[in-house]
């Protein structure tokens, strides 16, 4: 996880978006939901952040993610050069 503010933001956003997704799925399937939010922190993330994030268009979400430092900005390493047949 990246350090500092961006790491904290990413960690909390991932966690509470997952909790919100579990809540939505439990409603859809009629199963037990995660416990309701308690305290100002959880209320903010689950009642304000998650709903706002879910209505943002993908291009805007993508731009925000690309602007934040973190593992999502890493690219795959280039494949090694081919050295003849694999078999």
N, C-alpha and C. Protein backbone atom coordinates (compact mmCIF):
# COMPACT_ATOMS: atom_id res chain seq x y z
N UNK A 1 0.85 -1.18 0.00
CA UNK A 1 0.00 0.00 0.00
C UNK A 1 0.90 1.24 0.00
N UNK A 2 0.51 2.23 -0.77
CA UNK A 2 1.27 3.48 -0.80
C UNK A 2 1.11 4.18 0.55
N UNK A 3 2.12 4.93 0.91
CA UNK A 3 2.08 5.60 2.21
C UNK A 3 1.38 6.95 2.13
N UNK A 4 1.29 7.58 3.26
CA UNK A 4 0.73 8.92 3.33
C UNK A 4 -0.76 8.97 3.07
N UNK A 5 -1.19 10.16 2.66
CA UNK A 5 -2.61 10.40 2.46
C UNK A 5 -3.20 9.52 1.36
N UNK A 6 -2.50 9.39 0.23
CA UNK A 6 -3.05 8.59 -0.86
C UNK A 6 -3.22 7.13 -0.47
N UNK A 7 -2.28 6.60 0.33
CA UNK A 7 -2.42 5.23 0.80
C UNK A 7 -3.61 5.06 1.74
N UNK A 8 -3.77 6.03 2.64
CA UNK A 8 -4.91 6.01 3.56
C UNK A 8 -6.22 6.08 2.79
N UNK A 9 -6.27 6.98 1.80
CA UNK A 9 -7.48 7.16 1.00
C UNK A 9 -7.81 5.89 0.23
N UNK A 10 -6.81 5.32 -0.40
CA UNK A 10 -7.03 4.10 -1.18
C UNK A 10 -7.50 2.95 -0.29
N UNK A 11 -6.85 2.78 0.85
CA UNK A 11 -7.22 1.70 1.78
C UNK A 11 -8.67 1.84 2.23
N UNK A 12 -9.05 3.04 2.67
CA UNK A 12 -10.42 3.25 3.14
C UNK A 12 -11.43 3.13 2.01
N UNK A 13 -11.12 3.70 0.85
CA UNK A 13 -12.04 3.62 -0.27
C UNK A 13 -12.28 2.17 -0.67
N UNK A 14 -11.23 1.37 -0.78
CA UNK A 14 -11.39 -0.04 -1.14
C UNK A 14 -12.23 -0.77 -0.10
N UNK A 15 -11.93 -0.55 1.17
CA UNK A 15 -12.64 -1.25 2.23
C UNK A 15 -14.13 -0.92 2.23
N UNK A 16 -14.45 0.37 2.22
CA UNK A 16 -15.85 0.75 2.33
C UNK A 16 -16.62 0.53 1.04
N UNK A 17 -15.98 0.57 -0.12
CA UNK A 17 -16.67 0.19 -1.35
C UNK A 17 -16.98 -1.30 -1.35
N UNK A 18 -16.10 -2.10 -0.77
CA UNK A 18 -16.36 -3.53 -0.64
C UNK A 18 -17.54 -3.78 0.30
N UNK A 19 -17.55 -3.10 1.45
CA UNK A 19 -18.66 -3.25 2.39
C UNK A 19 -19.98 -2.84 1.72
N UNK A 20 -19.96 -1.74 0.96
CA UNK A 20 -21.17 -1.30 0.27
C UNK A 20 -21.61 -2.32 -0.78
N UNK A 21 -20.67 -2.90 -1.50
CA UNK A 21 -21.01 -3.93 -2.48
C UNK A 21 -21.62 -5.15 -1.79
N UNK A 22 -21.08 -5.53 -0.63
CA UNK A 22 -21.65 -6.65 0.12
C UNK A 22 -23.07 -6.33 0.57
N UNK A 23 -23.31 -5.08 0.98
CA UNK A 23 -24.65 -4.67 1.39
C UNK A 23 -25.62 -4.78 0.23
N UNK A 24 -25.23 -4.27 -0.94
CA UNK A 24 -26.09 -4.32 -2.11
C UNK A 24 -26.39 -5.75 -2.53
N UNK A 25 -25.38 -6.60 -2.49
CA UNK A 25 -25.57 -8.00 -2.86
C UNK A 25 -26.47 -8.72 -1.86
N UNK A 26 -26.33 -8.39 -0.58
CA UNK A 26 -27.18 -9.04 0.42
C UNK A 26 -28.65 -8.65 0.23
N UNK A 27 -28.89 -7.41 -0.18
CA UNK A 27 -30.27 -6.99 -0.47
C UNK A 27 -30.81 -7.76 -1.67
N UNK A 28 -30.00 -7.86 -2.70
CA UNK A 28 -30.41 -8.55 -3.93
C UNK A 28 -30.71 -10.02 -3.67
N UNK A 29 -29.88 -10.66 -2.82
CA UNK A 29 -30.03 -12.09 -2.58
C UNK A 29 -30.88 -12.42 -1.36
N UNK A 30 -31.24 -11.39 -0.60
CA UNK A 30 -32.05 -11.62 0.60
C UNK A 30 -31.29 -12.30 1.72
N UNK A 31 -30.01 -12.01 1.84
CA UNK A 31 -29.19 -12.61 2.90
C UNK A 31 -28.82 -11.54 3.93
N UNK A 32 -28.12 -11.96 4.97
CA UNK A 32 -27.73 -11.03 6.03
C UNK A 32 -26.76 -9.99 5.49
N UNK A 33 -27.03 -8.74 5.84
CA UNK A 33 -26.20 -7.62 5.39
C UNK A 33 -25.11 -7.34 6.42
N UNK A 34 -24.05 -6.63 6.01
CA UNK A 34 -23.07 -6.17 7.00
C UNK A 34 -23.77 -5.27 8.01
N UNK A 35 -23.19 -5.15 9.19
CA UNK A 35 -23.81 -4.31 10.22
C UNK A 35 -23.91 -2.87 9.73
N UNK A 36 -24.87 -2.11 10.24
CA UNK A 36 -25.00 -0.71 9.83
C UNK A 36 -23.78 0.11 10.27
N UNK A 37 -23.52 1.22 9.58
CA UNK A 37 -22.37 2.05 9.95
C UNK A 37 -22.52 2.63 11.35
N UNK A 38 -21.41 2.67 12.05
CA UNK A 38 -21.37 3.27 13.39
C UNK A 38 -20.28 4.32 13.41
N UNK A 39 -20.57 5.46 13.96
CA UNK A 39 -19.57 6.52 14.08
C UNK A 39 -19.47 7.35 12.82
N UNK A 40 -18.89 8.53 12.98
CA UNK A 40 -18.80 9.50 11.89
C UNK A 40 -18.00 8.96 10.70
N UNK A 41 -16.90 8.24 10.98
CA UNK A 41 -16.05 7.73 9.90
C UNK A 41 -16.83 6.78 9.00
N UNK A 42 -17.47 5.79 9.60
CA UNK A 42 -18.21 4.81 8.80
C UNK A 42 -19.41 5.44 8.11
N UNK A 43 -20.08 6.36 8.79
CA UNK A 43 -21.23 7.03 8.17
C UNK A 43 -20.77 7.81 6.94
N UNK A 44 -19.65 8.53 7.05
CA UNK A 44 -19.14 9.27 5.89
C UNK A 44 -18.86 8.32 4.72
N UNK A 45 -18.07 7.28 4.97
CA UNK A 45 -17.66 6.39 3.88
C UNK A 45 -18.84 5.63 3.28
N UNK A 46 -19.78 5.19 4.11
CA UNK A 46 -20.88 4.36 3.60
C UNK A 46 -22.11 5.14 3.16
N UNK A 47 -22.34 6.30 3.73
CA UNK A 47 -23.55 7.07 3.38
C UNK A 47 -23.27 8.23 2.44
N UNK A 48 -22.01 8.65 2.34
CA UNK A 48 -21.67 9.78 1.45
C UNK A 48 -20.72 9.32 0.34
N UNK A 49 -19.53 8.81 0.73
CA UNK A 49 -18.53 8.47 -0.27
C UNK A 49 -19.01 7.38 -1.25
N UNK A 50 -19.45 6.24 -0.73
CA UNK A 50 -19.82 5.12 -1.60
C UNK A 50 -20.95 5.49 -2.57
N UNK A 51 -22.04 6.13 -2.12
CA UNK A 51 -23.08 6.50 -3.08
C UNK A 51 -22.61 7.51 -4.14
N UNK A 52 -21.81 8.49 -3.72
CA UNK A 52 -21.31 9.47 -4.69
C UNK A 52 -20.39 8.78 -5.68
N UNK A 53 -19.49 7.95 -5.19
CA UNK A 53 -18.55 7.24 -6.07
C UNK A 53 -19.31 6.38 -7.08
N UNK A 54 -20.38 5.74 -6.65
CA UNK A 54 -21.10 4.82 -7.55
C UNK A 54 -21.82 5.54 -8.69
N UNK A 55 -22.11 6.84 -8.54
CA UNK A 55 -22.78 7.56 -9.63
C UNK A 55 -21.81 8.33 -10.52
N UNK A 56 -20.54 8.36 -10.16
CA UNK A 56 -19.56 9.04 -11.02
C UNK A 56 -19.39 8.25 -12.31
N UNK A 57 -19.31 8.93 -13.44
CA UNK A 57 -19.07 8.21 -14.70
C UNK A 57 -17.66 7.59 -14.70
N UNK A 58 -17.53 6.48 -15.39
CA UNK A 58 -16.26 5.76 -15.41
C UNK A 58 -15.08 6.64 -15.83
N UNK A 59 -15.18 7.47 -16.87
CA UNK A 59 -14.01 8.28 -17.25
C UNK A 59 -13.51 9.16 -16.10
N UNK A 60 -14.42 9.71 -15.31
CA UNK A 60 -14.01 10.53 -14.18
C UNK A 60 -13.35 9.67 -13.09
N UNK A 61 -13.96 8.53 -12.78
CA UNK A 61 -13.35 7.61 -11.79
C UNK A 61 -11.95 7.21 -12.24
N UNK A 62 -11.83 6.86 -13.50
CA UNK A 62 -10.54 6.42 -14.03
C UNK A 62 -9.50 7.53 -13.93
N UNK A 63 -9.88 8.75 -14.26
CA UNK A 63 -8.95 9.88 -14.16
C UNK A 63 -8.48 10.09 -12.72
N UNK A 64 -9.40 9.97 -11.78
CA UNK A 64 -9.05 10.14 -10.37
C UNK A 64 -8.07 9.05 -9.93
N UNK A 65 -8.36 7.80 -10.31
CA UNK A 65 -7.47 6.70 -9.93
C UNK A 65 -6.08 6.87 -10.55
N UNK A 66 -6.03 7.29 -11.80
CA UNK A 66 -4.73 7.47 -12.46
C UNK A 66 -3.92 8.60 -11.82
N UNK A 67 -4.60 9.59 -11.25
CA UNK A 67 -3.91 10.71 -10.64
C UNK A 67 -3.34 10.37 -9.26
N UNK A 68 -3.88 9.34 -8.62
CA UNK A 68 -3.44 8.97 -7.28
C UNK A 68 -2.28 7.97 -7.37
N UNK A 69 -1.24 8.15 -6.56
CA UNK A 69 -0.18 7.15 -6.55
C UNK A 69 -0.69 5.85 -5.96
N UNK A 70 -0.15 4.75 -6.42
CA UNK A 70 -0.55 3.46 -5.88
C UNK A 70 -0.30 2.34 -6.86
N UNK A 71 -0.62 1.14 -6.45
CA UNK A 71 -0.31 -0.04 -7.25
C UNK A 71 -1.06 -0.07 -8.57
N UNK A 72 -2.21 0.60 -8.66
CA UNK A 72 -2.98 0.59 -9.90
C UNK A 72 -2.26 1.33 -11.03
N UNK A 73 -1.21 2.07 -10.69
CA UNK A 73 -0.47 2.79 -11.72
C UNK A 73 0.69 1.96 -12.27
N UNK A 74 0.98 0.84 -11.66
CA UNK A 74 2.09 0.01 -12.14
C UNK A 74 1.70 -0.65 -13.46
N UNK A 75 2.68 -0.83 -14.30
CA UNK A 75 2.43 -1.49 -15.57
C UNK A 75 3.12 -2.85 -15.57
N UNK A 76 2.67 -3.71 -16.42
CA UNK A 76 3.29 -5.03 -16.53
C UNK A 76 4.69 -4.89 -17.10
N UNK A 77 5.58 -5.76 -16.65
CA UNK A 77 6.93 -5.78 -17.21
C UNK A 77 6.86 -6.29 -18.64
N UNK A 78 7.77 -5.82 -19.46
CA UNK A 78 7.82 -6.30 -20.85
C UNK A 78 8.22 -7.77 -20.85
N UNK A 79 7.66 -8.55 -21.75
CA UNK A 79 8.04 -9.97 -21.80
C UNK A 79 9.49 -10.11 -22.24
N UNK A 80 10.15 -11.17 -21.80
CA UNK A 80 11.55 -11.37 -22.24
C UNK A 80 11.57 -11.66 -23.74
N UNK A 81 12.69 -11.36 -24.40
CA UNK A 81 12.77 -11.63 -25.84
C UNK A 81 12.67 -13.14 -26.11
N UNK A 82 12.04 -13.47 -27.21
CA UNK A 82 11.90 -14.89 -27.58
C UNK A 82 13.27 -15.47 -27.94
N UNK A 83 13.48 -16.73 -27.53
CA UNK A 83 14.76 -17.39 -27.80
C UNK A 83 14.55 -18.76 -28.43
N UNK A 84 13.83 -18.79 -29.51
CA UNK A 84 13.59 -20.06 -30.19
C UNK A 84 12.29 -20.69 -29.74
N UNK A 85 12.03 -21.91 -30.19
CA UNK A 85 10.76 -22.59 -29.88
C UNK A 85 10.65 -22.90 -28.38
N UNK A 86 9.43 -22.95 -27.90
CA UNK A 86 9.19 -23.23 -26.48
C UNK A 86 9.36 -24.70 -26.15
N UNK A 87 9.30 -25.54 -27.16
CA UNK A 87 9.41 -26.98 -26.90
C UNK A 87 10.63 -27.55 -27.56
